[in-house]
Amino acid sequence: MSAGVFAAGQQPVNGSSRMEQAAVGQAVQIPSPIKEYKSVQAVANAVGFAPLTLAGNEHYTLIACETIDKMAQLVYKESDVKNNNRLMIRKAAAAELSPRALSGYYSDNWMPVIIGRTVVSVTTDDGVNYAAYWRSGLYSYSVNASEMTGNSFIGTLASLVGQTEAERGY
């Protein structure tokens, strides 16, 4: 390949093509799998089932309705506190995603906790941030919480697990 093929001032870089030269130095971006929606109903329409919501809890405000592939994800922020307390609630068809994978938390320190008739796996790294997962019927569920006490987390978790048990008719 001769240097005469290139425009003035361009030289081949180690025999690479023009396309390879153009790609050098450009950042590669991977598209986010998270899709945002304006309502819980819009998420339900997108994934084909009703997401698990933090029903009847005025202590938290819904701040994000999202999907990640076929998973529903709702994010809540504690409304009456000025810190960054958040809850992230996920639901997916159990055939699509295991409960542990759904949690996105890769700890080896999961403890089984019985809530109602459901065995829930719970973990914390620091006593302030918690994660839990369980399966009920055809669905996998997970909850992640930040800046929360253990008692508050278990109380919120009990309410959510109770909803999943009610859906199954326990």
N, C-alpha and C. Protein backbone atom coordinates (compact mmCIF):
# COMPACT_ATOMS: atom_id res chain seq x y z
N MET A 1 0.86 -1.17 0.00
CA MET A 1 0.00 0.00 0.00
C MET A 1 0.90 1.22 0.00
N SER A 2 0.68 2.14 -0.95
CA SER A 2 1.56 3.31 -1.02
C SER A 2 0.95 4.48 -0.27
N ALA A 3 1.82 5.37 0.18
CA ALA A 3 1.36 6.55 0.91
C ALA A 3 0.55 7.47 0.01
N GLY A 4 0.64 7.33 -1.33
CA GLY A 4 -0.09 8.19 -2.25
C GLY A 4 -1.60 7.96 -2.23
N VAL A 5 -2.06 6.84 -1.68
CA VAL A 5 -3.49 6.53 -1.62
C VAL A 5 -4.19 7.41 -0.58
N PHE A 6 -3.47 7.90 0.41
CA PHE A 6 -4.06 8.67 1.50
C PHE A 6 -4.07 10.15 1.18
N ALA A 7 -4.99 10.86 1.77
CA ALA A 7 -5.04 12.31 1.60
C ALA A 7 -3.79 12.91 2.20
N ALA A 8 -3.52 14.14 1.82
CA ALA A 8 -2.32 14.82 2.31
C ALA A 8 -2.27 14.76 3.83
N GLY A 9 -1.14 14.37 4.37
CA GLY A 9 -0.95 14.33 5.81
C GLY A 9 -1.37 13.01 6.45
N GLN A 10 -2.08 12.15 5.73
CA GLN A 10 -2.50 10.87 6.30
C GLN A 10 -1.46 9.83 5.95
N GLN A 11 -1.11 9.05 6.88
CA GLN A 11 -0.19 7.95 6.67
C GLN A 11 -0.81 6.70 7.29
N PRO A 12 -0.57 5.55 6.70
CA PRO A 12 -1.09 4.33 7.31
C PRO A 12 -0.43 4.09 8.66
N VAL A 13 -1.19 3.59 9.61
CA VAL A 13 -0.66 3.28 10.93
C VAL A 13 -0.44 1.78 10.97
N ASN A 14 0.81 1.37 11.00
CA ASN A 14 1.18 -0.04 11.03
C ASN A 14 0.39 -0.87 10.01
N GLY A 15 0.18 -0.34 8.82
CA GLY A 15 -0.49 -1.07 7.77
C GLY A 15 -1.99 -1.24 7.98
N SER A 16 -2.59 -0.49 8.88
CA SER A 16 -4.03 -0.64 9.14
C SER A 16 -4.86 0.10 8.10
N SER A 17 -6.09 -0.30 7.98
CA SER A 17 -6.99 0.32 7.01
C SER A 17 -7.48 1.67 7.52
N ARG A 18 -8.14 2.42 6.62
CA ARG A 18 -8.69 3.72 7.01
C ARG A 18 -9.75 3.57 8.10
N MET A 19 -10.60 2.51 7.99
CA MET A 19 -11.64 2.32 9.01
C MET A 19 -11.01 2.03 10.36
N GLU A 20 -9.97 1.22 10.36
CA GLU A 20 -9.29 0.91 11.62
C GLU A 20 -8.66 2.18 12.18
N GLN A 21 -8.12 3.02 11.32
CA GLN A 21 -7.52 4.27 11.78
C GLN A 21 -8.58 5.19 12.39
N ALA A 22 -9.74 5.25 11.76
CA ALA A 22 -10.81 6.12 12.26
C ALA A 22 -11.32 5.65 13.61
N ALA A 23 -11.30 4.33 13.84
CA ALA A 23 -11.82 3.79 15.09
C ALA A 23 -10.86 3.97 16.26
N VAL A 24 -9.57 4.19 15.96
CA VAL A 24 -8.58 4.35 17.02
C VAL A 24 -8.92 5.59 17.84
N GLY A 25 -8.99 5.43 19.14
CA GLY A 25 -9.23 6.56 20.03
C GLY A 25 -10.71 6.85 20.28
N GLN A 26 -11.62 6.19 19.58
CA GLN A 26 -13.04 6.43 19.82
C GLN A 26 -13.52 5.49 20.91
N ALA A 27 -14.29 6.03 21.86
CA ALA A 27 -14.83 5.22 22.95
C ALA A 27 -15.97 4.35 22.43
N VAL A 28 -16.01 3.13 22.89
CA VAL A 28 -17.10 2.23 22.53
C VAL A 28 -18.11 2.27 23.65
N GLN A 29 -19.38 2.54 23.33
CA GLN A 29 -20.41 2.61 24.34
C GLN A 29 -21.38 1.45 24.16
N ILE A 30 -21.71 0.82 25.27
CA ILE A 30 -22.68 -0.26 25.26
C ILE A 30 -24.02 0.35 25.66
N PRO A 31 -25.07 0.10 24.89
CA PRO A 31 -26.36 0.69 25.24
C PRO A 31 -26.88 0.13 26.56
N SER A 32 -27.52 0.97 27.34
CA SER A 32 -28.07 0.56 28.62
C SER A 32 -29.27 -0.35 28.40
N PRO A 33 -29.34 -1.46 29.14
CA PRO A 33 -30.50 -2.34 29.00
C PRO A 33 -31.72 -1.81 29.76
N ILE A 34 -31.53 -0.76 30.56
CA ILE A 34 -32.62 -0.21 31.37
C ILE A 34 -33.49 0.69 30.50
N LYS A 35 -34.79 0.40 30.49
CA LYS A 35 -35.75 1.25 29.79
C LYS A 35 -36.65 1.89 30.83
N GLU A 36 -36.83 3.19 30.73
CA GLU A 36 -37.64 3.93 31.69
C GLU A 36 -39.07 4.10 31.18
N TYR A 37 -40.01 4.07 32.11
CA TYR A 37 -41.43 4.23 31.80
C TYR A 37 -42.02 5.27 32.74
N LYS A 38 -43.17 5.79 32.37
CA LYS A 38 -43.80 6.85 33.16
C LYS A 38 -44.71 6.33 34.27
N SER A 39 -45.05 5.03 34.25
CA SER A 39 -45.97 4.50 35.27
C SER A 39 -45.73 3.02 35.50
N VAL A 40 -46.27 2.54 36.63
CA VAL A 40 -46.21 1.12 36.95
C VAL A 40 -46.98 0.33 35.89
N GLN A 41 -48.12 0.87 35.44
CA GLN A 41 -48.92 0.19 34.43
C GLN A 41 -48.15 0.04 33.11
N ALA A 42 -47.38 1.05 32.76
CA ALA A 42 -46.58 0.98 31.53
C ALA A 42 -45.53 -0.12 31.65
N VAL A 43 -44.94 -0.29 32.83
CA VAL A 43 -43.98 -1.37 33.06
C VAL A 43 -44.70 -2.71 32.93
N ALA A 44 -45.89 -2.82 33.55
CA ALA A 44 -46.67 -4.06 33.47
C ALA A 44 -46.98 -4.42 32.02
N ASN A 45 -47.34 -3.43 31.23
CA ASN A 45 -47.62 -3.66 29.81
C ASN A 45 -46.37 -4.15 29.08
N ALA A 46 -45.22 -3.61 29.45
CA ALA A 46 -43.97 -3.97 28.77
C ALA A 46 -43.50 -5.38 29.10
N VAL A 47 -43.68 -5.81 30.37
CA VAL A 47 -43.15 -7.13 30.77
C VAL A 47 -44.23 -8.22 30.78
N GLY A 48 -45.50 -7.84 30.76
CA GLY A 48 -46.57 -8.83 30.70
C GLY A 48 -47.07 -9.33 32.05
N PHE A 49 -46.68 -8.68 33.14
CA PHE A 49 -47.18 -9.02 34.48
C PHE A 49 -47.10 -7.77 35.35
N ALA A 50 -47.85 -7.79 36.45
CA ALA A 50 -47.86 -6.64 37.37
C ALA A 50 -46.60 -6.65 38.23
N PRO A 51 -45.87 -5.53 38.28
CA PRO A 51 -44.69 -5.46 39.16
C PRO A 51 -45.11 -5.51 40.63
N LEU A 52 -44.20 -5.91 41.48
CA LEU A 52 -44.42 -5.86 42.92
C LEU A 52 -44.20 -4.42 43.37
N THR A 53 -45.20 -3.84 44.01
CA THR A 53 -45.11 -2.44 44.42
C THR A 53 -45.08 -2.33 45.94
N LEU A 54 -44.61 -1.23 46.40
CA LEU A 54 -44.60 -0.91 47.83
C LEU A 54 -45.96 -0.28 48.15
N ALA A 55 -46.99 -1.11 48.19
CA ALA A 55 -48.37 -0.64 48.31
C ALA A 55 -48.65 -0.06 49.70
N GLY A 56 -49.38 1.04 49.72
CA GLY A 56 -49.85 1.63 50.97
C GLY A 56 -48.75 2.12 51.88
N ASN A 57 -47.60 2.49 51.37
CA ASN A 57 -46.51 2.98 52.21
C ASN A 57 -46.18 4.41 51.80
N GLU A 58 -46.75 5.35 52.52
CA GLU A 58 -46.50 6.76 52.20
C GLU A 58 -45.14 7.24 52.68
N HIS A 59 -44.39 6.35 53.33
CA HIS A 59 -43.04 6.66 53.81
C HIS A 59 -42.05 6.76 52.66
N TYR A 60 -42.39 6.13 51.52
CA TYR A 60 -41.53 6.12 50.34
C TYR A 60 -42.26 6.69 49.13
N THR A 61 -41.49 7.29 48.22
CA THR A 61 -42.03 7.85 46.99
C THR A 61 -41.42 7.09 45.81
N LEU A 62 -42.26 6.69 44.88
CA LEU A 62 -41.80 6.01 43.67
C LEU A 62 -41.05 7.02 42.81
N ILE A 63 -39.79 6.71 42.47
CA ILE A 63 -38.99 7.66 41.68
C ILE A 63 -38.60 7.11 40.31
N ALA A 64 -38.73 5.78 40.10
CA ALA A 64 -38.38 5.22 38.79
C ALA A 64 -39.17 3.96 38.51
N CYS A 65 -39.72 3.89 37.31
CA CYS A 65 -40.41 2.70 36.79
C CYS A 65 -39.60 2.23 35.60
N GLU A 66 -39.02 1.04 35.70
CA GLU A 66 -38.07 0.61 34.67
C GLU A 66 -38.23 -0.88 34.34
N THR A 67 -37.66 -1.25 33.21
CA THR A 67 -37.50 -2.66 32.87
C THR A 67 -36.04 -2.88 32.48
N ILE A 68 -35.60 -4.10 32.70
CA ILE A 68 -34.31 -4.55 32.20
C ILE A 68 -34.63 -5.88 31.53
N ASP A 69 -34.65 -5.86 30.22
CA ASP A 69 -35.12 -7.00 29.43
C ASP A 69 -36.54 -7.34 29.87
N LYS A 70 -36.78 -8.53 30.44
CA LYS A 70 -38.13 -8.94 30.84
C LYS A 70 -38.35 -8.82 32.34
N MET A 71 -37.54 -8.01 33.01
CA MET A 71 -37.62 -7.81 34.45
C MET A 71 -38.22 -6.45 34.75
N ALA A 72 -39.15 -6.41 35.72
CA ALA A 72 -39.72 -5.14 36.19
C ALA A 72 -38.88 -4.64 37.36
N GLN A 73 -38.60 -3.34 37.38
CA GLN A 73 -37.80 -2.75 38.45
C GLN A 73 -38.44 -1.43 38.86
N LEU A 74 -38.79 -1.31 40.14
CA LEU A 74 -39.33 -0.07 40.68
C LEU A 74 -38.37 0.43 41.74
N VAL A 75 -38.10 1.73 41.73
CA VAL A 75 -37.17 2.33 42.68
C VAL A 75 -37.93 3.37 43.50
N TYR A 76 -37.78 3.27 44.81
CA TYR A 76 -38.43 4.18 45.74
C TYR A 76 -37.38 4.92 46.55
N LYS A 77 -37.71 6.13 46.97
CA LYS A 77 -36.84 6.94 47.83
C LYS A 77 -37.62 7.31 49.07
N GLU A 78 -36.97 7.24 50.21
CA GLU A 78 -37.64 7.61 51.46
C GLU A 78 -37.99 9.09 51.38
N SER A 79 -39.27 9.40 51.57
CA SER A 79 -39.73 10.77 51.31
C SER A 79 -39.51 11.75 52.44
N ASP A 80 -39.47 11.30 53.68
CA ASP A 80 -39.40 12.26 54.78
C ASP A 80 -38.03 12.31 55.45
N VAL A 81 -37.01 11.82 54.78
CA VAL A 81 -35.65 11.84 55.31
C VAL A 81 -34.75 12.47 54.25
N LYS A 82 -33.76 13.23 54.68
CA LYS A 82 -32.91 13.94 53.71
C LYS A 82 -31.69 13.14 53.26
N ASN A 83 -31.60 11.88 53.63
CA ASN A 83 -30.47 11.10 53.14
C ASN A 83 -30.86 10.34 51.88
N ASN A 84 -30.13 9.33 51.54
CA ASN A 84 -30.32 8.66 50.26
C ASN A 84 -30.95 7.27 50.41
N ASN A 85 -31.88 7.13 51.36
CA ASN A 85 -32.52 5.83 51.56
C ASN A 85 -33.33 5.45 50.33
N ARG A 86 -33.02 4.28 49.78
CA ARG A 86 -33.70 3.82 48.57
C ARG A 86 -34.06 2.35 48.70
N LEU A 87 -35.12 1.98 48.01
CA LEU A 87 -35.53 0.59 47.86
C LEU A 87 -35.65 0.30 46.38
N MET A 88 -35.11 -0.81 45.96
CA MET A 88 -35.26 -1.24 44.58
C MET A 88 -35.94 -2.60 44.61
N ILE A 89 -37.11 -2.68 43.98
CA ILE A 89 -37.90 -3.91 43.99
C ILE A 89 -37.93 -4.47 42.57
N ARG A 90 -37.57 -5.74 42.44
CA ARG A 90 -37.53 -6.39 41.13
C ARG A 90 -38.44 -7.62 41.11
N LYS A 91 -38.98 -7.88 39.93
CA LYS A 91 -39.81 -9.07 39.72
C LYS A 91 -39.57 -9.56 38.30
N ALA A 92 -39.44 -10.87 38.17
CA ALA A 92 -39.27 -11.48 36.85
C ALA A 92 -39.88 -12.87 36.87
N ALA A 93 -40.25 -13.36 35.71
CA ALA A 93 -40.73 -14.74 35.61
C ALA A 93 -39.59 -15.66 36.05
N ALA A 94 -39.90 -16.61 36.93
CA ALA A 94 -38.87 -17.51 37.46
C ALA A 94 -38.19 -18.30 36.34
N ALA A 95 -38.92 -18.58 35.27
CA ALA A 95 -38.33 -19.31 34.15
C ALA A 95 -37.28 -18.47 33.43
N GLU A 96 -37.37 -17.14 33.54
CA GLU A 96 -36.43 -16.23 32.88
C GLU A 96 -35.18 -15.97 33.71
N LEU A 97 -35.35 -15.86 35.04
CA LEU A 97 -34.25 -15.43 35.89
C LEU A 97 -34.41 -16.01 37.29
N SER A 98 -33.34 -16.58 37.82
CA SER A 98 -33.40 -17.12 39.18
C SER A 98 -33.49 -15.98 40.18
N PRO A 99 -34.06 -16.22 41.36
CA PRO A 99 -34.17 -15.15 42.36
C PRO A 99 -32.82 -14.56 42.75
N ARG A 100 -31.81 -15.40 42.92
CA ARG A 100 -30.50 -14.90 43.33
C ARG A 100 -29.89 -14.01 42.24
N ALA A 101 -29.99 -14.43 40.99
CA ALA A 101 -29.47 -13.61 39.89
C ALA A 101 -30.25 -12.30 39.79
N LEU A 102 -31.54 -12.37 40.06
CA LEU A 102 -32.39 -11.18 40.00
C LEU A 102 -31.92 -10.12 41.00
N SER A 103 -31.42 -10.55 42.14
CA SER A 103 -30.99 -9.60 43.17
C SER A 103 -29.81 -8.75 42.72
N GLY A 104 -28.97 -9.29 41.85
CA GLY A 104 -27.79 -8.55 41.41
C GLY A 104 -26.75 -8.41 42.50
N TYR A 105 -26.91 -9.12 43.58
CA TYR A 105 -26.03 -9.04 44.74
C TYR A 105 -25.27 -10.37 44.82
N TYR A 106 -23.97 -10.35 44.74
CA TYR A 106 -23.21 -11.58 44.63
C TYR A 106 -22.46 -11.93 45.90
N SER A 107 -23.13 -11.82 47.02
CA SER A 107 -22.58 -12.17 48.31
C SER A 107 -22.64 -13.68 48.51
N ASP A 108 -21.77 -14.20 49.34
CA ASP A 108 -21.84 -15.60 49.72
C ASP A 108 -22.46 -15.75 51.11
N ASN A 109 -22.85 -14.66 51.70
CA ASN A 109 -23.34 -14.66 53.08
C ASN A 109 -24.85 -14.53 53.17
N TRP A 110 -25.60 -15.28 52.39
CA TRP A 110 -27.06 -15.24 52.43
C TRP A 110 -27.56 -16.05 53.62
N MET A 111 -28.51 -15.48 54.35
CA MET A 111 -29.12 -16.17 55.48
C MET A 111 -30.58 -16.45 55.16
N PRO A 112 -31.06 -17.67 55.40
CA PRO A 112 -32.48 -17.93 55.18
C PRO A 112 -33.31 -17.35 56.33
N VAL A 113 -34.37 -16.65 55.99
CA VAL A 113 -35.29 -16.07 56.97
C VAL A 113 -36.69 -16.49 56.54
N ILE A 114 -37.46 -17.02 57.47
CA ILE A 114 -38.82 -17.42 57.14
C ILE A 114 -39.75 -16.25 57.44
N ILE A 115 -40.46 -15.81 56.39
CA ILE A 115 -41.44 -14.74 56.51
C ILE A 115 -42.76 -15.32 56.01
N GLY A 116 -43.73 -15.43 56.92
CA GLY A 116 -44.98 -16.08 56.57
C GLY A 116 -44.70 -17.52 56.23
N ARG A 117 -45.03 -17.93 55.02
CA ARG A 117 -44.76 -19.29 54.54
C ARG A 117 -43.63 -19.34 53.53
N THR A 118 -42.89 -18.26 53.44
CA THR A 118 -41.86 -18.14 52.40
C THR A 118 -40.47 -18.08 53.01
N VAL A 119 -39.55 -18.84 52.43
CA VAL A 119 -38.14 -18.75 52.82
C VAL A 119 -37.51 -17.67 51.96
N VAL A 120 -36.99 -16.65 52.62
CA VAL A 120 -36.37 -15.51 51.95
C VAL A 120 -34.88 -15.52 52.30
N SER A 121 -34.04 -15.32 51.31
CA SER A 121 -32.59 -15.22 51.54
C SER A 121 -32.24 -13.75 51.70
N VAL A 122 -31.54 -13.42 52.79
CA VAL A 122 -31.22 -12.03 53.13
C VAL A 122 -29.71 -11.91 53.36
N THR A 123 -29.15 -10.79 52.92
CA THR A 123 -27.73 -10.52 53.17
C THR A 123 -27.52 -9.03 53.43
N THR A 124 -26.41 -8.74 54.10
CA THR A 124 -25.94 -7.37 54.28
C THR A 124 -24.42 -7.42 54.37
N ASP A 125 -23.78 -6.41 53.85
CA ASP A 125 -22.32 -6.33 53.97
C ASP A 125 -21.92 -5.48 55.16
N ASP A 126 -22.78 -4.54 55.52
CA ASP A 126 -22.38 -3.53 56.49
C ASP A 126 -23.44 -3.17 57.52
N GLY A 127 -24.58 -3.86 57.54
CA GLY A 127 -25.64 -3.55 58.49
C GLY A 127 -26.42 -2.30 58.15
N VAL A 128 -26.21 -1.75 56.96
CA VAL A 128 -26.92 -0.55 56.51
C VAL A 128 -27.54 -0.77 55.14
N ASN A 129 -26.89 -1.56 54.32
CA ASN A 129 -27.38 -1.90 52.99
C ASN A 129 -27.74 -3.38 52.98
N TYR A 130 -28.94 -3.68 52.48
CA TYR A 130 -29.47 -5.04 52.53
C TYR A 130 -29.95 -5.48 51.16
N ALA A 131 -29.99 -6.81 50.98
CA ALA A 131 -30.58 -7.40 49.79
C ALA A 131 -31.32 -8.66 50.22
N ALA A 132 -32.37 -8.98 49.47
CA ALA A 132 -33.14 -10.19 49.73
C ALA A 132 -33.68 -10.72 48.42
N TYR A 133 -33.90 -12.04 48.37
CA TYR A 133 -34.55 -12.63 47.20
C TYR A 133 -35.39 -13.81 47.64
N TRP A 134 -36.41 -14.11 46.84
CA TRP A 134 -37.26 -15.27 47.07
C TRP A 134 -38.03 -15.59 45.80
N ARG A 135 -38.65 -16.76 45.84
CA ARG A 135 -39.49 -17.18 44.72
C ARG A 135 -40.87 -17.49 45.29
N SER A 136 -41.88 -17.10 44.55
CA SER A 136 -43.26 -17.39 44.93
C SER A 136 -44.03 -17.68 43.66
N GLY A 137 -44.51 -18.92 43.54
CA GLY A 137 -45.25 -19.29 42.34
C GLY A 137 -44.37 -19.22 41.11
N LEU A 138 -44.86 -18.53 40.10
CA LEU A 138 -44.16 -18.44 38.82
C LEU A 138 -43.13 -17.31 38.76
N TYR A 139 -42.95 -16.57 39.86
CA TYR A 139 -42.10 -15.38 39.82
C TYR A 139 -40.95 -15.41 40.82
N SER A 140 -39.88 -14.73 40.45
CA SER A 140 -38.74 -14.46 41.32
C SER A 140 -38.83 -13.01 41.74
N TYR A 141 -38.40 -12.72 42.96
CA TYR A 141 -38.46 -11.37 43.51
C TYR A 141 -37.14 -11.02 44.18
N SER A 142 -36.82 -9.74 44.22
CA SER A 142 -35.69 -9.28 45.01
C SER A 142 -35.95 -7.85 45.47
N VAL A 143 -35.33 -7.52 46.59
CA VAL A 143 -35.41 -6.17 47.15
C VAL A 143 -34.01 -5.79 47.60
N ASN A 144 -33.55 -4.63 47.21
CA ASN A 144 -32.29 -4.07 47.69
C ASN A 144 -32.61 -2.77 48.40
N ALA A 145 -31.96 -2.53 49.52
CA ALA A 145 -32.22 -1.32 50.30
C ALA A 145 -30.90 -0.68 50.71
N SER A 146 -30.88 0.64 50.72
CA SER A 146 -29.69 1.35 51.17
C SER A 146 -30.05 2.24 52.35
N GLU A 147 -29.08 2.38 53.24
CA GLU A 147 -29.20 3.24 54.42
C GLU A 147 -30.46 2.95 55.22
N MET A 148 -30.59 1.70 55.67
CA MET A 148 -31.77 1.26 56.40
C MET A 148 -31.33 0.40 57.57
N THR A 149 -32.12 0.38 58.64
CA THR A 149 -31.82 -0.51 59.75
C THR A 149 -32.33 -1.90 59.41
N GLY A 150 -31.79 -2.89 60.07
CA GLY A 150 -32.21 -4.27 59.84
C GLY A 150 -33.68 -4.47 60.14
N ASN A 151 -34.16 -3.91 61.24
CA ASN A 151 -35.58 -4.05 61.59
C ASN A 151 -36.49 -3.40 60.56
N SER A 152 -36.12 -2.24 60.06
CA SER A 152 -36.92 -1.57 59.03
C SER A 152 -36.94 -2.40 57.75
N PHE A 153 -35.78 -2.95 57.39
CA PHE A 153 -35.72 -3.76 56.18
C PHE A 153 -36.61 -4.99 56.31
N ILE A 154 -36.52 -5.71 57.42
CA ILE A 154 -37.33 -6.91 57.60
C ILE A 154 -38.82 -6.55 57.63
N GLY A 155 -39.19 -5.41 58.23
CA GLY A 155 -40.58 -4.98 58.24
C GLY A 155 -41.10 -4.71 56.83
N THR A 156 -40.32 -4.01 56.03
CA THR A 156 -40.70 -3.73 54.64
C THR A 156 -40.75 -5.02 53.84
N LEU A 157 -39.78 -5.88 54.05
CA LEU A 157 -39.71 -7.16 53.37
C LEU A 157 -40.94 -8.02 53.71
N ALA A 158 -41.34 -8.02 54.97
CA ALA A 158 -42.52 -8.79 55.39
C ALA A 158 -43.77 -8.34 54.65
N SER A 159 -43.91 -7.04 54.46
CA SER A 159 -45.05 -6.50 53.72
C SER A 159 -45.03 -6.97 52.26
N LEU A 160 -43.86 -6.92 51.64
CA LEU A 160 -43.73 -7.32 50.24
C LEU A 160 -43.95 -8.83 50.06
N VAL A 161 -43.36 -9.63 50.94
CA VAL A 161 -43.55 -11.07 50.87
C VAL A 161 -45.02 -11.41 51.10
N GLY A 162 -45.66 -10.70 52.02
CA GLY A 162 -47.09 -10.90 52.27
C GLY A 162 -47.92 -10.69 51.01
N GLN A 163 -47.55 -9.69 50.22
CA GLN A 163 -48.26 -9.45 48.95
C GLN A 163 -48.09 -10.62 47.99
N THR A 164 -46.87 -11.17 47.92
CA THR A 164 -46.63 -12.28 47.00
C THR A 164 -47.35 -13.53 47.46
N GLU A 165 -47.47 -13.72 48.77
CA GLU A 165 -48.23 -14.86 49.28
C GLU A 165 -49.72 -14.70 49.03
N ALA A 166 -50.20 -13.48 49.16
CA ALA A 166 -51.63 -13.21 48.90
C ALA A 166 -51.98 -13.50 47.44
N GLU A 167 -51.06 -13.18 46.54
CA GLU A 167 -51.27 -13.47 45.11
C GLU A 167 -51.40 -14.97 44.87
N ARG A 168 -50.73 -15.76 45.68
CA ARG A 168 -50.78 -17.22 45.53
C ARG A 168 -51.95 -17.83 46.29
N GLY A 169 -52.61 -17.05 47.15
CA GLY A 169 -53.77 -17.56 47.88
C GLY A 169 -53.46 -18.19 49.21
N TYR A 170 -52.30 -17.90 49.80
CA TYR A 170 -51.99 -18.42 51.15
C TYR A 170 -52.84 -17.69 52.15
